[in-house]
Amino acid sequence: MKKTLLLAILCLMLSAPQLQAAEHRIGGGANYWVAIDDIDTDNIDDNGISIFGSYQYWAGLFGLEFDVDLLPDRFGETAFAPEAYVLVGRAIYAGVGIGITYSDGDFADEPFYALKAGINLELLPDIYVDIFANYHFNDSAEFDNLKEKIDTDTVFLGAAVRFSL
């Protein structure tokens, strides 16, 4: 995973002549998320809705994306998840990312890694709609209200509206 991320960053740096045509986009959206494994614990939902703020930087076929997710009821706790992606493509794109979850007053012990794929459509000049899927994976997480660790691999389906600056 680390080699793929480094390769994507290297490709972005090699596209330096395209940096003059760089584009900055800011916006937000919503996700529906569901845990891959069924969680057999009462009072813990294994799916939900989250909202997020987003910034994208596009230079040619390469992009960087920075998001902050607000997950109001992630496995029974409110959580924030800052994350960063390296993207390849343009209208149809894919990428890899990394993030960390903050809940119950603490950051997670380990980051999560993510795969992302989507369709980025220009609706009007400087207004983009992004429809995408993410897969966040890590080993497991411990929660204060649970005795055992649970697998937190999660699939996100989402949409965002971004405005070109």
N, C-alpha and C. Protein backbone atom coordinates (compact mmCIF):
# COMPACT_ATOMS: atom_id res chain seq x y z
N MET A 1 0.83 -1.18 0.00
CA MET A 1 0.00 0.00 0.00
C MET A 1 0.88 1.26 0.00
N LYS A 2 1.94 1.23 0.83
CA LYS A 2 2.81 2.40 0.91
C LYS A 2 3.52 2.64 -0.42
N LYS A 3 3.93 1.57 -1.10
CA LYS A 3 4.61 1.72 -2.38
C LYS A 3 3.67 2.33 -3.42
N THR A 4 2.41 1.92 -3.40
CA THR A 4 1.42 2.47 -4.34
C THR A 4 1.22 3.95 -4.10
N LEU A 5 1.12 4.33 -2.83
CA LEU A 5 0.94 5.75 -2.49
C LEU A 5 2.15 6.56 -2.92
N LEU A 6 3.35 6.06 -2.68
CA LEU A 6 4.56 6.78 -3.09
C LEU A 6 4.65 6.89 -4.61
N LEU A 7 4.26 5.83 -5.33
CA LEU A 7 4.27 5.87 -6.79
C LEU A 7 3.29 6.91 -7.32
N ALA A 8 2.12 7.00 -6.70
CA ALA A 8 1.13 7.98 -7.13
C ALA A 8 1.63 9.41 -6.88
N ILE A 9 2.27 9.63 -5.75
CA ILE A 9 2.83 10.97 -5.45
C ILE A 9 3.94 11.31 -6.44
N LEU A 10 4.79 10.34 -6.77
CA LEU A 10 5.86 10.56 -7.75
C LEU A 10 5.26 10.93 -9.11
N CYS A 11 4.22 10.23 -9.53
CA CYS A 11 3.56 10.54 -10.81
C CYS A 11 2.99 11.95 -10.79
N LEU A 12 2.43 12.36 -9.66
CA LEU A 12 1.90 13.72 -9.54
C LEU A 12 3.02 14.74 -9.68
N MET A 13 4.16 14.48 -9.07
CA MET A 13 5.28 15.42 -9.16
C MET A 13 5.85 15.47 -10.58
N LEU A 14 5.83 14.35 -11.29
CA LEU A 14 6.36 14.32 -12.65
C LEU A 14 5.44 15.05 -13.64
N SER A 15 4.23 15.31 -13.24
CA SER A 15 3.32 16.03 -14.12
C SER A 15 3.43 17.55 -13.89
N ALA A 16 4.57 18.02 -13.44
CA ALA A 16 4.79 19.44 -13.12
C ALA A 16 4.40 20.40 -14.24
N PRO A 17 4.62 20.09 -15.52
CA PRO A 17 4.19 21.04 -16.55
C PRO A 17 2.69 21.26 -16.55
N GLN A 18 1.93 20.30 -16.06
CA GLN A 18 0.48 20.44 -16.02
C GLN A 18 0.02 21.23 -14.81
N LEU A 19 0.90 21.54 -13.89
CA LEU A 19 0.51 22.24 -12.67
C LEU A 19 -0.04 23.63 -12.96
N GLN A 20 0.34 24.23 -14.09
CA GLN A 20 -0.19 25.55 -14.42
C GLN A 20 -1.69 25.49 -14.66
N ALA A 21 -2.19 24.34 -15.09
CA ALA A 21 -3.62 24.16 -15.33
C ALA A 21 -4.29 23.53 -14.12
N ALA A 22 -3.70 23.67 -12.95
CA ALA A 22 -4.24 23.05 -11.74
C ALA A 22 -5.58 23.67 -11.36
N GLU A 23 -6.38 22.86 -10.71
CA GLU A 23 -7.72 23.30 -10.32
C GLU A 23 -7.95 22.95 -8.86
N HIS A 24 -8.51 23.89 -8.11
CA HIS A 24 -8.85 23.69 -6.71
C HIS A 24 -10.37 23.61 -6.61
N ARG A 25 -10.87 22.61 -5.87
CA ARG A 25 -12.31 22.45 -5.68
C ARG A 25 -12.59 22.27 -4.19
N ILE A 26 -13.69 22.88 -3.75
CA ILE A 26 -14.10 22.76 -2.35
C ILE A 26 -15.59 22.46 -2.32
N GLY A 27 -15.99 21.66 -1.34
CA GLY A 27 -17.41 21.31 -1.24
C GLY A 27 -17.67 20.35 -0.11
N GLY A 28 -18.75 19.60 -0.25
CA GLY A 28 -19.12 18.64 0.77
C GLY A 28 -20.16 17.69 0.24
N GLY A 29 -20.52 16.74 1.10
CA GLY A 29 -21.49 15.75 0.67
C GLY A 29 -21.90 14.83 1.80
N ALA A 30 -22.46 13.69 1.42
CA ALA A 30 -22.96 12.72 2.38
C ALA A 30 -22.59 11.31 1.91
N ASN A 31 -22.46 10.41 2.88
CA ASN A 31 -22.15 9.01 2.64
C ASN A 31 -23.17 8.13 3.33
N TYR A 32 -23.46 6.99 2.74
CA TYR A 32 -24.10 5.90 3.45
C TYR A 32 -23.01 4.87 3.68
N TRP A 33 -22.82 4.44 4.91
CA TRP A 33 -21.76 3.48 5.21
C TRP A 33 -22.36 2.23 5.84
N VAL A 34 -21.68 1.11 5.61
CA VAL A 34 -22.09 -0.16 6.21
C VAL A 34 -20.84 -0.98 6.50
N ALA A 35 -20.81 -1.56 7.70
CA ALA A 35 -19.69 -2.43 8.08
C ALA A 35 -19.80 -3.74 7.32
N ILE A 36 -18.65 -4.29 6.92
CA ILE A 36 -18.63 -5.53 6.17
C ILE A 36 -19.11 -6.69 7.04
N ASP A 37 -18.59 -6.80 8.25
CA ASP A 37 -18.99 -7.87 9.16
C ASP A 37 -20.23 -7.47 9.93
N ASP A 38 -21.10 -8.44 10.16
CA ASP A 38 -22.29 -8.22 10.97
C ASP A 38 -21.86 -8.07 12.42
N ILE A 39 -22.34 -7.04 13.09
CA ILE A 39 -21.98 -6.79 14.48
C ILE A 39 -23.14 -7.28 15.34
N ASP A 40 -22.89 -8.30 16.14
CA ASP A 40 -23.94 -8.94 16.93
C ASP A 40 -24.02 -8.36 18.34
N THR A 41 -23.96 -7.06 18.46
CA THR A 41 -24.04 -6.40 19.75
C THR A 41 -25.24 -5.49 19.77
N ASP A 42 -26.03 -5.55 20.84
CA ASP A 42 -27.20 -4.69 20.96
C ASP A 42 -26.77 -3.22 21.04
N ASN A 43 -27.63 -2.35 20.58
CA ASN A 43 -27.43 -0.89 20.62
C ASN A 43 -26.27 -0.41 19.76
N ILE A 44 -25.75 -1.25 18.87
CA ILE A 44 -24.68 -0.84 17.97
C ILE A 44 -25.17 -1.06 16.54
N ASP A 45 -25.29 0.03 15.80
CA ASP A 45 -25.67 -0.07 14.39
C ASP A 45 -24.43 -0.33 13.55
N ASP A 46 -24.56 -1.19 12.56
CA ASP A 46 -23.43 -1.45 11.68
C ASP A 46 -23.59 -0.73 10.34
N ASN A 47 -24.43 0.32 10.32
CA ASN A 47 -24.56 1.18 9.14
C ASN A 47 -25.05 2.54 9.58
N GLY A 48 -24.94 3.52 8.69
CA GLY A 48 -25.38 4.86 9.03
C GLY A 48 -25.10 5.85 7.92
N ILE A 49 -25.36 7.10 8.24
CA ILE A 49 -25.14 8.22 7.32
C ILE A 49 -24.07 9.12 7.92
N SER A 50 -23.18 9.60 7.07
CA SER A 50 -22.18 10.58 7.52
C SER A 50 -22.18 11.76 6.55
N ILE A 51 -21.68 12.88 7.03
CA ILE A 51 -21.50 14.06 6.17
C ILE A 51 -20.02 14.42 6.20
N PHE A 52 -19.58 15.14 5.16
CA PHE A 52 -18.16 15.47 5.10
C PHE A 52 -17.93 16.77 4.35
N GLY A 53 -16.81 17.40 4.68
CA GLY A 53 -16.28 18.53 3.93
C GLY A 53 -15.10 18.04 3.11
N SER A 54 -14.86 18.66 1.95
CA SER A 54 -13.87 18.13 1.03
C SER A 54 -13.13 19.23 0.29
N TYR A 55 -11.85 18.98 0.03
CA TYR A 55 -11.01 19.83 -0.82
C TYR A 55 -10.30 18.93 -1.82
N GLN A 56 -10.31 19.31 -3.09
CA GLN A 56 -9.58 18.57 -4.12
C GLN A 56 -8.64 19.52 -4.85
N TYR A 57 -7.49 18.96 -5.23
CA TYR A 57 -6.51 19.65 -6.06
C TYR A 57 -6.26 18.76 -7.26
N TRP A 58 -6.55 19.23 -8.45
CA TRP A 58 -6.36 18.46 -9.68
C TRP A 58 -5.30 19.11 -10.55
N ALA A 59 -4.36 18.31 -11.04
CA ALA A 59 -3.34 18.76 -11.98
C ALA A 59 -3.26 17.69 -13.06
N GLY A 60 -3.86 17.95 -14.19
CA GLY A 60 -3.89 16.94 -15.25
C GLY A 60 -4.71 15.75 -14.84
N LEU A 61 -4.12 14.56 -14.95
CA LEU A 61 -4.83 13.34 -14.59
C LEU A 61 -4.63 12.94 -13.14
N PHE A 62 -3.95 13.75 -12.35
CA PHE A 62 -3.66 13.40 -10.97
C PHE A 62 -4.32 14.40 -10.03
N GLY A 63 -4.77 13.89 -8.89
CA GLY A 63 -5.41 14.75 -7.92
C GLY A 63 -5.09 14.35 -6.50
N LEU A 64 -5.26 15.29 -5.61
CA LEU A 64 -5.18 15.06 -4.17
C LEU A 64 -6.52 15.45 -3.58
N GLU A 65 -6.99 14.69 -2.63
CA GLU A 65 -8.25 15.00 -1.97
C GLU A 65 -8.07 14.90 -0.47
N PHE A 66 -8.63 15.87 0.25
CA PHE A 66 -8.59 15.90 1.71
C PHE A 66 -10.02 16.05 2.20
N ASP A 67 -10.47 15.12 3.04
CA ASP A 67 -11.83 15.13 3.55
C ASP A 67 -11.81 15.07 5.07
N VAL A 68 -12.91 15.54 5.67
CA VAL A 68 -13.17 15.31 7.09
C VAL A 68 -14.60 14.81 7.19
N ASP A 69 -14.75 13.56 7.61
CA ASP A 69 -16.06 12.93 7.79
C ASP A 69 -16.55 13.17 9.21
N LEU A 70 -17.86 13.43 9.34
CA LEU A 70 -18.53 13.45 10.63
C LEU A 70 -19.49 12.27 10.62
N LEU A 71 -19.22 11.29 11.46
CA LEU A 71 -20.04 10.08 11.56
C LEU A 71 -20.80 10.15 12.89
N PRO A 72 -22.07 10.63 12.87
CA PRO A 72 -22.79 10.88 14.12
C PRO A 72 -23.06 9.64 14.97
N ASP A 73 -23.18 8.46 14.36
CA ASP A 73 -23.47 7.25 15.13
C ASP A 73 -22.66 6.09 14.59
N ARG A 74 -21.34 6.22 14.66
CA ARG A 74 -20.46 5.15 14.18
C ARG A 74 -20.27 4.13 15.30
N PHE A 75 -20.90 3.01 15.17
CA PHE A 75 -20.82 1.93 16.15
C PHE A 75 -21.16 2.44 17.56
N GLY A 76 -22.15 3.32 17.64
CA GLY A 76 -22.62 3.81 18.93
C GLY A 76 -21.92 5.05 19.43
N GLU A 77 -20.96 5.59 18.71
CA GLU A 77 -20.22 6.78 19.14
C GLU A 77 -20.13 7.79 17.99
N THR A 78 -20.07 9.06 18.33
CA THR A 78 -19.83 10.08 17.31
C THR A 78 -18.34 10.10 17.00
N ALA A 79 -18.02 10.15 15.71
CA ALA A 79 -16.61 10.10 15.31
C ALA A 79 -16.34 11.10 14.21
N PHE A 80 -15.09 11.55 14.14
CA PHE A 80 -14.58 12.36 13.04
C PHE A 80 -13.47 11.55 12.37
N ALA A 81 -13.35 11.69 11.05
CA ALA A 81 -12.32 10.93 10.35
C ALA A 81 -11.67 11.79 9.27
N PRO A 82 -10.54 12.46 9.59
CA PRO A 82 -9.79 13.14 8.53
C PRO A 82 -9.11 12.10 7.65
N GLU A 83 -9.11 12.34 6.34
CA GLU A 83 -8.52 11.38 5.41
C GLU A 83 -7.95 12.10 4.20
N ALA A 84 -6.98 11.48 3.55
CA ALA A 84 -6.32 12.05 2.37
C ALA A 84 -6.21 10.96 1.30
N TYR A 85 -6.38 11.38 0.04
CA TYR A 85 -6.34 10.45 -1.09
C TYR A 85 -5.42 10.99 -2.19
N VAL A 86 -4.79 10.08 -2.89
CA VAL A 86 -4.11 10.37 -4.15
C VAL A 86 -4.98 9.74 -5.23
N LEU A 87 -5.40 10.55 -6.21
CA LEU A 87 -6.35 10.12 -7.23
C LEU A 87 -5.71 10.13 -8.61
N VAL A 88 -6.17 9.22 -9.47
CA VAL A 88 -5.72 9.14 -10.86
C VAL A 88 -6.97 9.05 -11.73
N GLY A 89 -7.01 9.86 -12.77
CA GLY A 89 -8.16 9.89 -13.67
C GLY A 89 -8.66 11.31 -13.83
N ARG A 90 -9.88 11.46 -14.17
CA ARG A 90 -10.49 12.78 -14.25
C ARG A 90 -12.01 12.64 -14.09
N ALA A 91 -12.73 12.36 -15.17
CA ALA A 91 -14.17 12.15 -15.05
C ALA A 91 -14.44 10.82 -14.35
N ILE A 92 -13.69 9.80 -14.71
CA ILE A 92 -13.73 8.52 -14.00
C ILE A 92 -12.37 8.40 -13.32
N TYR A 93 -12.37 8.13 -12.03
CA TYR A 93 -11.11 8.15 -11.29
C TYR A 93 -11.07 7.01 -10.27
N ALA A 94 -9.88 6.76 -9.77
CA ALA A 94 -9.65 5.80 -8.68
C ALA A 94 -8.49 6.32 -7.85
N GLY A 95 -8.39 5.85 -6.63
CA GLY A 95 -7.30 6.31 -5.79
C GLY A 95 -7.12 5.49 -4.53
N VAL A 96 -6.06 5.82 -3.82
CA VAL A 96 -5.75 5.21 -2.54
C VAL A 96 -5.66 6.31 -1.50
N GLY A 97 -5.94 5.94 -0.24
CA GLY A 97 -5.91 6.95 0.79
C GLY A 97 -5.58 6.39 2.16
N ILE A 98 -5.46 7.31 3.09
CA ILE A 98 -5.18 6.98 4.49
C ILE A 98 -5.94 7.98 5.36
N GLY A 99 -6.36 7.53 6.52
CA GLY A 99 -7.07 8.40 7.45
C GLY A 99 -6.96 7.85 8.85
N ILE A 100 -7.54 8.59 9.79
CA ILE A 100 -7.56 8.14 11.18
C ILE A 100 -8.88 8.58 11.79
N THR A 101 -9.39 7.75 12.67
CA THR A 101 -10.68 8.02 13.29
C THR A 101 -10.48 8.62 14.68
N TYR A 102 -11.25 9.66 14.98
CA TYR A 102 -11.25 10.30 16.29
C TYR A 102 -12.63 10.11 16.90
N SER A 103 -12.69 9.36 17.99
CA SER A 103 -13.97 9.17 18.67
C SER A 103 -13.74 9.00 20.16
N ASP A 104 -14.73 9.36 20.92
CA ASP A 104 -14.68 9.22 22.38
C ASP A 104 -13.46 9.91 22.98
N GLY A 105 -13.05 11.04 22.38
CA GLY A 105 -11.95 11.82 22.93
C GLY A 105 -10.55 11.35 22.58
N ASP A 106 -10.43 10.33 21.74
CA ASP A 106 -9.11 9.80 21.39
C ASP A 106 -9.03 9.45 19.91
N PHE A 107 -7.81 9.54 19.38
CA PHE A 107 -7.56 9.04 18.03
C PHE A 107 -7.40 7.53 18.10
N ALA A 108 -7.73 6.85 17.02
CA ALA A 108 -7.54 5.40 16.93
C ALA A 108 -6.06 5.07 17.08
N ASP A 109 -5.78 3.86 17.51
CA ASP A 109 -4.39 3.42 17.67
C ASP A 109 -3.67 3.32 16.34
N GLU A 110 -4.41 2.95 15.29
CA GLU A 110 -3.82 2.78 13.96
C GLU A 110 -4.68 3.48 12.92
N PRO A 111 -4.08 3.93 11.83
CA PRO A 111 -4.86 4.56 10.77
C PRO A 111 -5.65 3.52 9.99
N PHE A 112 -6.61 3.99 9.21
CA PHE A 112 -7.26 3.10 8.26
C PHE A 112 -6.74 3.44 6.87
N TYR A 113 -6.79 2.48 5.98
CA TYR A 113 -6.40 2.67 4.60
C TYR A 113 -7.66 2.60 3.76
N ALA A 114 -7.66 3.23 2.60
CA ALA A 114 -8.89 3.29 1.81
C ALA A 114 -8.60 3.18 0.33
N LEU A 115 -9.54 2.59 -0.36
CA LEU A 115 -9.59 2.57 -1.82
C LEU A 115 -10.81 3.37 -2.22
N LYS A 116 -10.69 4.13 -3.31
CA LYS A 116 -11.79 4.98 -3.73
C LYS A 116 -11.92 4.93 -5.25
N ALA A 117 -13.15 4.92 -5.74
CA ALA A 117 -13.42 4.99 -7.17
C ALA A 117 -14.69 5.80 -7.36
N GLY A 118 -14.72 6.60 -8.44
CA GLY A 118 -15.91 7.42 -8.63
C GLY A 118 -16.01 8.03 -10.00
N ILE A 119 -17.09 8.78 -10.16
CA ILE A 119 -17.38 9.52 -11.38
C ILE A 119 -17.52 10.99 -10.98
N ASN A 120 -16.72 11.84 -11.60
CA ASN A 120 -16.69 13.28 -11.33
C ASN A 120 -17.29 13.99 -12.54
N LEU A 121 -18.47 14.54 -12.41
CA LEU A 121 -19.16 15.16 -13.54
C LEU A 121 -19.29 16.67 -13.36
N GLU A 122 -19.02 17.41 -14.43
CA GLU A 122 -19.20 18.86 -14.39
C GLU A 122 -20.64 19.16 -14.81
N LEU A 123 -21.47 19.61 -13.85
CA LEU A 123 -22.87 19.93 -14.15
C LEU A 123 -23.00 21.27 -14.85
N LEU A 124 -22.39 22.26 -14.25
CA LEU A 124 -22.36 23.62 -14.78
C LEU A 124 -20.91 24.07 -14.73
N PRO A 125 -20.57 25.15 -15.42
CA PRO A 125 -19.18 25.61 -15.30
C PRO A 125 -18.80 25.83 -13.83
N ASP A 126 -17.72 25.18 -13.43
CA ASP A 126 -17.16 25.29 -12.08
C ASP A 126 -18.00 24.63 -10.99
N ILE A 127 -18.99 23.81 -11.34
CA ILE A 127 -19.78 23.06 -10.35
C ILE A 127 -19.72 21.58 -10.73
N TYR A 128 -19.23 20.75 -9.80
CA TYR A 128 -19.00 19.34 -10.06
C TYR A 128 -19.81 18.48 -9.09
N VAL A 129 -20.31 17.37 -9.60
CA VAL A 129 -20.97 16.35 -8.77
C VAL A 129 -20.10 15.11 -8.83
N ASP A 130 -19.79 14.57 -7.69
CA ASP A 130 -18.92 13.40 -7.55
C ASP A 130 -19.73 12.28 -6.91
N ILE A 131 -19.87 11.15 -7.59
CA ILE A 131 -20.54 9.97 -7.05
C ILE A 131 -19.47 8.89 -6.93
N PHE A 132 -19.33 8.28 -5.75
CA PHE A 132 -18.18 7.43 -5.50
C PHE A 132 -18.49 6.31 -4.52
N ALA A 133 -17.54 5.38 -4.44
CA ALA A 133 -17.54 4.32 -3.43
C ALA A 133 -16.17 4.28 -2.80
N ASN A 134 -16.13 4.07 -1.49
CA ASN A 134 -14.89 3.93 -0.72
C ASN A 134 -14.92 2.61 0.00
N TYR A 135 -13.76 2.04 0.20
CA TYR A 135 -13.61 0.88 1.07
C TYR A 135 -12.54 1.20 2.09
N HIS A 136 -12.91 1.35 3.35
CA HIS A 136 -11.96 1.62 4.43
C HIS A 136 -11.64 0.29 5.10
N PHE A 137 -10.37 0.01 5.27
CA PHE A 137 -10.01 -1.24 5.94
C PHE A 137 -8.93 -1.03 6.97
N ASN A 138 -9.09 -1.75 8.05
CA ASN A 138 -8.09 -1.87 9.11
C ASN A 138 -8.43 -3.13 9.88
N ASP A 139 -7.61 -3.50 10.83
CA ASP A 139 -7.81 -4.79 11.51
C ASP A 139 -9.06 -4.79 12.38
N SER A 140 -9.07 -3.98 13.42
CA SER A 140 -10.19 -3.98 14.35
C SER A 140 -10.10 -2.74 15.21
N ALA A 141 -11.16 -2.52 15.99
CA ALA A 141 -11.19 -1.36 16.89
C ALA A 141 -11.79 -1.79 18.22
N GLU A 142 -11.34 -1.12 19.26
CA GLU A 142 -11.88 -1.36 20.59
C GLU A 142 -12.75 -0.18 20.96
N PHE A 143 -13.92 -0.46 21.53
CA PHE A 143 -14.83 0.59 21.96
C PHE A 143 -15.05 0.46 23.46
N ASP A 144 -15.21 1.61 24.13
CA ASP A 144 -15.37 1.61 25.58
C ASP A 144 -16.58 0.80 26.03
N ASN A 145 -17.66 0.82 25.24
CA ASN A 145 -18.88 0.14 25.66
C ASN A 145 -18.93 -1.33 25.22
N LEU A 146 -17.84 -1.85 24.66
CA LEU A 146 -17.77 -3.25 24.25
C LEU A 146 -16.57 -3.92 24.89
N LYS A 147 -16.70 -5.20 25.20
CA LYS A 147 -15.59 -5.94 25.79
C LYS A 147 -14.66 -6.50 24.74
N GLU A 148 -15.20 -6.82 23.56
CA GLU A 148 -14.38 -7.42 22.51
C GLU A 148 -14.09 -6.40 21.41
N LYS A 149 -13.06 -6.68 20.65
CA LYS A 149 -12.75 -5.85 19.49
C LYS A 149 -13.68 -6.25 18.35
N ILE A 150 -13.97 -5.30 17.47
CA ILE A 150 -14.81 -5.61 16.32
C ILE A 150 -14.07 -5.21 15.04
N ASP A 151 -14.36 -5.93 13.98
CA ASP A 151 -13.79 -5.63 12.67
C ASP A 151 -14.51 -4.41 12.12
N THR A 152 -13.77 -3.38 11.74
CA THR A 152 -14.41 -2.14 11.30
C THR A 152 -14.22 -1.87 9.80
N ASP A 153 -13.92 -2.89 9.01
CA ASP A 153 -13.87 -2.69 7.56
C ASP A 153 -15.23 -2.18 7.11
N THR A 154 -15.23 -1.12 6.31
CA THR A 154 -16.48 -0.43 5.99
C THR A 154 -16.52 -0.02 4.53
N VAL A 155 -17.71 -0.13 3.93
CA VAL A 155 -17.95 0.34 2.57
C VAL A 155 -18.76 1.63 2.66
N PHE A 156 -18.36 2.64 1.91
CA PHE A 156 -19.06 3.92 1.85
C PHE A 156 -19.56 4.13 0.42
N LEU A 157 -20.80 4.55 0.27
CA LEU A 157 -21.34 5.01 -1.01
C LEU A 157 -21.74 6.46 -0.79
N GLY A 158 -21.23 7.36 -1.63
CA GLY A 158 -21.46 8.77 -1.35
C GLY A 158 -21.57 9.63 -2.57
N ALA A 159 -21.92 10.89 -2.29
CA ALA A 159 -22.00 11.90 -3.33
C ALA A 159 -21.56 13.23 -2.74
N ALA A 160 -20.95 14.04 -3.59
CA ALA A 160 -20.45 15.36 -3.16
C ALA A 160 -20.73 16.37 -4.25
N VAL A 161 -20.87 17.61 -3.83
CA VAL A 161 -20.93 18.75 -4.75
C VAL A 161 -19.74 19.62 -4.42
N ARG A 162 -18.96 19.94 -5.45
CA ARG A 162 -17.78 20.78 -5.24
C ARG A 162 -17.80 21.94 -6.23
N PHE A 163 -17.22 23.04 -5.78
CA PHE A 163 -17.15 24.26 -6.58
C PHE A 163 -15.69 24.55 -6.88
N SER A 164 -15.39 24.85 -8.13
CA SER A 164 -14.04 25.19 -8.53
C SER A 164 -13.71 26.60 -8.05
N LEU A 165 -12.54 26.77 -7.46
CA LEU A 165 -12.12 28.09 -6.97
C LEU A 165 -11.34 28.85 -8.03
